[in-house]
Amino acid sequence: MRLTSALAVAAALATGAAAAAPTVGKPAPGFTATDSKGATVALSDFKGRFVVLEWTNDGCPFVQKHYKGNMQALQQQARDQDVAWLSVISSAPGKQGHVSGAQADALSESRGAVPTHVLLDESGDVGRLYEAKTTPHMFIVDPEGTLVYAGGIDSIPSADPDDIDKATPYVELALAQAIAGEPIEHAVTRPYGCSVKY
């Protein structure tokens, strides 16, 4: 009987966790992670600023498409507006995209990337908290800590860099609209890319 009760409690907790999935318009799930330099970084560190979360994997062709200049330009625009940009690597050890902190920093330098931090989430805890499914998978959190965007970087789910200029740039538009205090036209979109390598 006790085992049945314990299982019921576990099931209820699991259901509660599922119900706490990240939802646009609700508080963004809080987390703490270690960055590529070994520093502890919490989402709450950026209270009062917009935050972009970018799930990434340098071995993924969809990520490579956007790192031919598009992602770096978005990161620089964010930096110019005092927006924190957190690139999250949830690849498990031995899986595609897993890197050490030094490798992550060398990668950023070699491709001219300028994220605020690169978070090493090799346990996958942060990725699962956000239900990150693809690389890239993008989220925007407002200064009050509310999730205001979740989904794809843009509207054309291909690995072809030539499609970037033809696509609706969902993240760029959502961030501009949020900063301007305007309603976000496409607040939830479909992410595309490689599966996150948990």
Protein backbone atom coordinates (compact mmCIF):
# COMPACT_ATOMS: atom_id res chain seq x y z
CA MET A 1 0.00 0.00 0.00
CA ARG A 2 2.85 2.33 0.92
CA LEU A 3 4.56 1.63 -2.40
CA THR A 4 1.35 2.49 -4.27
CA SER A 5 1.11 5.79 -2.36
CA ALA A 6 4.75 6.58 -3.08
CA LEU A 7 4.18 5.87 -6.78
CA ALA A 8 1.10 8.09 -6.76
CA VAL A 9 3.11 10.92 -5.19
CA ALA A 10 5.89 10.41 -7.74
CA ALA A 11 3.35 10.48 -10.56
CA ALA A 12 1.79 13.65 -9.17
CA LEU A 13 5.20 15.29 -8.92
CA ALA A 14 6.02 14.25 -12.49
CA THR A 15 2.72 15.69 -13.67
CA GLY A 16 3.47 18.92 -11.81
CA ALA A 17 6.88 19.13 -13.43
CA ALA A 18 5.32 18.63 -16.85
CA ALA A 19 2.80 21.37 -16.13
CA ALA A 20 5.67 23.73 -15.31
CA ALA A 21 6.92 23.63 -18.91
CA PRO A 22 8.21 26.99 -20.17
CA THR A 23 5.25 29.05 -21.37
CA VAL A 24 5.34 32.39 -23.13
CA GLY A 25 3.71 34.98 -20.89
CA LYS A 26 4.73 33.16 -17.69
CA PRO A 27 7.92 33.44 -15.61
CA ALA A 28 10.91 31.89 -17.39
CA PRO A 29 12.29 28.85 -15.55
CA GLY A 30 15.17 29.87 -13.32
CA PHE A 31 18.50 28.05 -13.54
CA THR A 32 22.15 28.12 -12.53
CA ALA A 33 24.88 26.82 -14.83
CA THR A 34 28.65 26.96 -15.28
CA ASP A 35 30.01 28.99 -18.17
CA SER A 36 33.00 28.29 -20.40
CA LYS A 37 35.32 30.17 -18.03
CA GLY A 38 34.18 28.20 -14.97
CA ALA A 39 31.98 30.97 -13.53
CA THR A 40 28.55 30.25 -12.07
CA VAL A 41 25.81 32.03 -14.01
CA ALA A 42 22.16 32.27 -12.96
CA LEU A 43 19.28 33.59 -15.03
CA SER A 44 18.44 35.83 -12.07
CA ASP A 45 21.82 37.59 -12.53
CA PHE A 46 20.25 39.41 -15.48
CA LYS A 47 17.10 40.71 -13.77
CA GLY A 48 16.34 44.11 -15.30
CA ARG A 49 17.77 43.15 -18.72
CA PHE A 50 16.46 41.27 -21.70
CA VAL A 51 18.05 37.84 -22.11
CA VAL A 52 18.33 35.69 -25.24
CA LEU A 53 18.88 31.95 -24.77
CA GLU A 54 20.35 30.16 -27.79
CA TRP A 55 20.79 26.38 -27.83
CA THR A 56 23.78 25.55 -29.98
CA ASN A 57 25.95 22.69 -31.29
CA ASP A 58 28.84 23.59 -33.57
CA GLY A 59 28.61 20.25 -35.42
CA CYS A 60 25.03 20.86 -36.54
CA PRO A 61 24.58 22.08 -40.15
CA PHE A 62 21.65 24.31 -39.10
CA VAL A 63 23.85 26.03 -36.52
CA GLN A 64 26.67 26.30 -39.07
CA LYS A 65 24.23 28.01 -41.46
CA HIS A 66 23.56 30.79 -38.96
CA TYR A 67 27.19 31.09 -37.83
CA LYS A 68 28.26 32.21 -41.30
CA GLY A 69 27.48 35.71 -39.99
CA ASN A 70 23.79 35.85 -39.04
CA MET A 71 24.10 34.67 -35.42
CA GLN A 72 27.12 36.89 -34.79
CA ALA A 73 25.20 39.91 -36.13
CA LEU A 74 22.27 39.15 -33.83
CA GLN A 75 24.63 38.76 -30.87
CA GLN A 76 26.29 42.09 -31.65
CA GLN A 77 22.91 43.84 -31.98
CA ALA A 78 21.95 42.39 -28.61
CA ARG A 79 25.22 43.51 -27.03
CA ASP A 80 24.75 47.04 -28.41
CA GLN A 81 21.36 47.17 -26.65
CA ASP A 82 22.63 45.73 -23.34
CA VAL A 83 20.79 42.46 -23.94
CA ALA A 84 22.42 39.41 -22.32
CA TRP A 85 23.00 36.56 -24.79
CA LEU A 86 23.49 33.10 -23.31
CA SER A 87 24.60 30.37 -25.73
CA VAL A 88 23.75 27.01 -24.16
CA ILE A 89 25.52 23.77 -25.11
CA SER A 90 23.48 20.80 -23.83
CA SER A 91 25.45 18.13 -25.72
CA ALA A 92 26.36 15.26 -23.39
CA PRO A 93 29.96 13.98 -23.15
CA GLY A 94 30.75 11.86 -26.18
CA LYS A 95 27.93 13.38 -28.23
CA GLN A 96 28.15 15.78 -31.18
CA GLY A 97 28.79 19.35 -30.08
CA HIS A 98 30.18 18.54 -26.62
CA VAL A 99 33.12 20.85 -25.87
CA SER A 100 35.28 21.89 -22.95
CA GLY A 101 35.24 25.46 -21.76
CA ALA A 102 38.51 26.20 -23.55
CA GLN A 103 37.16 24.68 -26.77
CA ALA A 104 33.97 26.73 -26.47
CA ASP A 105 35.96 29.94 -26.04
CA ALA A 106 38.25 29.08 -28.96
CA LEU A 107 35.19 28.40 -31.10
CA SER A 108 33.63 31.76 -30.20
CA GLU A 109 36.88 33.54 -31.01
CA SER A 110 37.43 31.71 -34.31
CA ARG A 111 33.99 32.58 -35.65
CA GLY A 112 33.68 36.07 -34.18
CA ALA A 113 30.82 35.16 -31.85
CA VAL A 114 30.09 37.57 -29.00
CA PRO A 115 27.70 35.89 -26.56
CA THR A 116 27.65 37.25 -23.01
CA HIS A 117 28.32 33.71 -21.73
CA VAL A 118 28.58 30.22 -23.18
CA LEU A 119 26.89 27.84 -20.73
CA LEU A 120 28.11 24.24 -20.56
CA ASP A 121 25.03 22.13 -19.79
CA GLU A 122 26.50 18.67 -20.31
CA SER A 123 23.99 17.15 -17.83
CA GLY A 124 21.19 18.52 -20.03
CA ASP A 125 19.39 19.93 -16.98
CA VAL A 126 18.93 23.43 -18.37
CA GLY A 127 17.98 22.11 -21.80
CA ARG A 128 15.32 19.81 -20.35
CA LEU A 129 14.04 22.61 -18.11
CA TYR A 130 13.37 24.67 -21.24
CA GLU A 131 12.35 21.63 -23.30
CA ALA A 132 14.99 22.67 -25.84
CA LYS A 133 14.51 20.38 -28.81
CA THR A 134 16.78 21.67 -31.57
CA THR A 135 19.94 23.56 -32.29
CA PRO A 136 19.26 26.35 -32.64
CA HIS A 137 16.26 26.72 -30.30
CA MET A 138 15.73 30.29 -29.14
CA PHE A 139 14.06 31.96 -26.15
CA ILE A 140 13.75 35.59 -25.03
CA VAL A 141 13.20 36.62 -21.40
CA ASP A 142 12.15 40.17 -20.55
CA PRO A 143 13.61 42.35 -17.74
CA GLU A 144 10.89 41.17 -15.32
CA GLY A 145 11.84 37.53 -15.93
CA THR A 146 8.88 36.69 -18.16
CA LEU A 147 9.35 34.40 -21.15
CA VAL A 148 8.24 36.47 -24.16
CA TYR A 149 9.47 34.38 -27.11
CA ALA A 150 10.08 30.68 -27.76
CA GLY A 151 10.86 28.95 -31.02
CA GLY A 152 12.89 29.12 -34.19
CA ILE A 153 15.47 31.67 -35.18
CA ASP A 154 13.59 32.34 -38.42
CA SER A 155 10.85 31.00 -40.70
CA ILE A 156 12.70 28.82 -43.22
CA PRO A 157 13.73 25.43 -41.74
CA SER A 158 16.72 24.70 -43.95
CA ALA A 159 20.47 24.39 -43.58
CA ASP A 160 21.05 26.64 -46.62
CA PRO A 161 22.58 30.05 -45.74
CA ASP A 162 20.99 31.52 -48.89
CA ASP A 163 17.59 31.16 -47.19
CA ILE A 164 18.42 33.54 -44.35
CA ASP A 165 17.67 36.70 -46.33
CA LYS A 166 14.35 35.26 -47.55
CA ALA A 167 13.14 34.22 -44.10
CA THR A 168 11.10 36.13 -41.52
CA PRO A 169 13.72 36.78 -38.80
CA TYR A 170 11.59 35.75 -35.82
CA VAL A 171 14.16 36.34 -33.07
CA GLU A 172 15.39 39.67 -34.43
CA LEU A 173 11.80 40.94 -34.80
CA ALA A 174 10.66 39.60 -31.43
CA LEU A 175 13.56 41.24 -29.61
CA ALA A 176 13.04 44.57 -31.38
CA GLN A 177 9.30 44.52 -30.63
CA ALA A 178 9.85 43.54 -27.00
CA ILE A 179 12.44 46.27 -26.44
CA ALA A 180 10.09 48.81 -28.03
CA GLY A 181 7.29 47.68 -25.70
CA GLU A 182 5.20 46.46 -28.62
CA PRO A 183 3.27 43.19 -28.82
CA ILE A 184 5.38 40.40 -30.30
CA GLU A 185 3.81 39.37 -33.58
CA HIS A 186 5.20 35.82 -33.58
CA ALA A 187 5.76 34.97 -29.88
CA VAL A 188 5.70 31.19 -30.32
CA THR A 189 7.13 29.59 -33.45
CA ARG A 190 8.38 26.17 -34.46
CA PRO A 191 12.08 25.55 -33.76
CA TYR A 192 14.09 23.71 -36.38
CA GLY A 193 17.55 22.21 -36.60
CA CYS A 194 19.39 19.17 -35.27
CA SER A 195 18.02 17.43 -32.18
CA VAL A 196 19.72 18.48 -28.95
CA LYS A 197 22.26 15.74 -28.18
CA TYR A 198 21.27 14.94 -24.57
